[in-house]
Amino acid sequence: MGGGPHEMADHIMNICLRFITDGIRDTVAHYQRDDLPLYRLCWELHNRIDTLVPHAPAVWVDQLRDLQRRVAEFENSRATGVHSRLSDAEERRLDDSLRQLHAVLELAH
């Protein structure tokens, strides 16, 4: 790398950002393949998004946090409700939230 220290720092930040966002995508993919329960998806999203804080603009992180909270609401509803599974309508809304999360992640590239 031929640039100065600022260019090197930017490069390292971009690598960190890519590593974290790829991890979020992988986590969602595991959930969508039924390899990960919803409560674990919520936990993973929360922690991975928190990890983005020093590496990404606050507005972008806030968008991701909002979507993570929406996903968590489905888990809270399921965990505290009478049914152990989400309804078809809830599943569709959850899928929509995950699609939006993926779209927001694409803004990083």
Protein backbone atom coordinates (compact mmCIF):
# COMPACT_ATOMS: atom_id res chain seq x y z
CA MET A 1 0.00 0.00 0.00
CA GLY A 2 1.61 3.25 -1.09
CA GLY A 3 -0.45 5.81 0.83
CA GLY A 4 0.14 7.52 4.10
CA PRO A 5 -1.14 6.63 7.55
CA HIS A 6 -4.63 8.00 6.85
CA GLU A 7 -4.99 5.84 3.76
CA MET A 8 -3.82 2.80 5.73
CA ALA A 9 -6.29 3.57 8.54
CA ASP A 10 -9.13 3.91 6.00
CA HIS A 11 -8.15 0.60 4.43
CA ILE A 12 -8.16 -1.14 7.82
CA MET A 13 -11.55 0.40 8.70
CA ASN A 14 -12.97 -0.83 5.38
CA ILE A 15 -11.69 -4.34 6.07
CA CYS A 16 -13.31 -4.27 9.53
CA LEU A 17 -16.57 -2.95 8.10
CA ARG A 18 -16.62 -5.64 5.42
CA PHE A 19 -15.84 -8.39 7.93
CA ILE A 20 -18.69 -7.29 10.22
CA THR A 21 -21.26 -6.77 7.46
CA ASP A 22 -20.39 -10.14 5.91
CA GLY A 23 -20.94 -11.68 9.34
CA ILE A 24 -24.37 -10.07 9.55
CA ARG A 25 -25.27 -11.41 6.10
CA ASP A 26 -24.07 -14.89 7.06
CA THR A 27 -26.10 -14.78 10.27
CA VAL A 28 -29.27 -13.87 8.37
CA ALA A 29 -28.56 -16.61 5.81
CA HIS A 30 -28.22 -19.18 8.62
CA TYR A 31 -31.56 -18.07 10.04
CA GLN A 32 -33.24 -18.25 6.64
CA ARG A 33 -31.93 -21.83 6.19
CA ASP A 34 -33.38 -22.74 9.61
CA ASP A 35 -29.85 -23.26 10.98
CA LEU A 36 -30.31 -20.56 13.61
CA PRO A 37 -33.27 -19.91 15.92
CA LEU A 38 -34.88 -16.48 15.97
CA TYR A 39 -33.66 -15.64 19.48
CA ARG A 40 -30.08 -16.31 18.38
CA LEU A 41 -30.54 -14.22 15.22
CA CYS A 42 -31.65 -11.32 17.43
CA TRP A 43 -28.65 -11.72 19.72
CA GLU A 44 -26.21 -11.98 16.80
CA LEU A 45 -27.66 -8.93 15.04
CA HIS A 46 -27.57 -6.87 18.22
CA ASN A 47 -23.94 -7.69 18.95
CA ARG A 48 -22.66 -7.42 15.40
CA ILE A 49 -24.39 -4.07 14.85
CA ASP A 50 -22.90 -2.79 18.12
CA THR A 51 -19.49 -3.80 16.77
CA LEU A 52 -20.02 -1.51 13.77
CA VAL A 53 -20.17 1.63 15.91
CA PRO A 54 -16.50 2.69 15.58
CA HIS A 55 -16.34 1.65 11.92
CA ALA A 56 -19.45 3.15 10.32
CA PRO A 57 -21.50 6.36 10.17
CA ALA A 58 -23.96 6.71 13.04
CA VAL A 59 -26.94 7.26 10.73
CA TRP A 60 -26.28 3.97 8.98
CA VAL A 61 -25.79 2.10 12.27
CA ASP A 62 -29.07 3.62 13.54
CA GLN A 63 -30.90 2.27 10.47
CA LEU A 64 -29.51 -1.19 11.16
CA ARG A 65 -30.42 -0.93 14.85
CA ASP A 66 -33.98 0.03 13.96
CA LEU A 67 -34.29 -3.05 11.77
CA GLN A 68 -32.69 -5.23 14.45
CA ARG A 69 -35.29 -3.95 16.95
CA ARG A 70 -38.06 -4.89 14.52
CA VAL A 71 -36.66 -8.42 14.30
CA ALA A 72 -36.40 -8.56 18.10
CA GLU A 73 -40.06 -7.55 18.40
CA PHE A 74 -41.03 -10.72 16.53
CA GLU A 75 -38.97 -12.83 18.94
CA ASN A 76 -40.45 -11.01 21.95
CA SER A 77 -43.95 -11.56 20.57
CA ARG A 78 -43.24 -15.24 19.97
CA ALA A 79 -41.52 -15.79 23.33
CA THR A 80 -44.23 -14.09 25.39
CA GLY A 81 -47.23 -15.18 23.35
CA VAL A 82 -49.45 -18.20 23.40
CA HIS A 83 -48.00 -19.60 20.17
CA SER A 84 -44.49 -20.98 19.88
CA ARG A 85 -44.33 -20.03 16.21
CA LEU A 86 -44.89 -16.83 14.28
CA SER A 87 -48.06 -16.48 12.26
CA ASP A 88 -47.83 -16.38 8.47
CA ALA A 89 -48.35 -12.60 8.54
CA GLU A 90 -45.60 -12.19 11.15
CA GLU A 91 -43.27 -14.39 9.07
CA ARG A 92 -43.90 -12.17 6.03
CA ARG A 93 -43.21 -9.00 8.03
CA LEU A 94 -40.06 -10.56 9.49
CA ASP A 95 -38.89 -11.55 6.00
CA ASP A 96 -39.55 -7.99 4.85
CA SER A 97 -37.50 -6.60 7.74
CA LEU A 98 -34.63 -8.95 6.86
CA ARG A 99 -34.80 -7.84 3.20
CA GLN A 100 -34.63 -4.23 4.34
CA LEU A 101 -31.68 -5.07 6.58
CA HIS A 102 -29.89 -6.62 3.62
CA ALA A 103 -30.61 -3.50 1.51
CA VAL A 104 -29.19 -1.23 4.22
CA LEU A 105 -26.08 -3.44 4.43
CA GLU A 106 -25.57 -2.94 0.70
CA LEU A 107 -25.19 0.79 1.32
CA ALA A 108 -21.79 -0.01 2.88
CA HIS A 109 -20.32 -1.04 -0.47
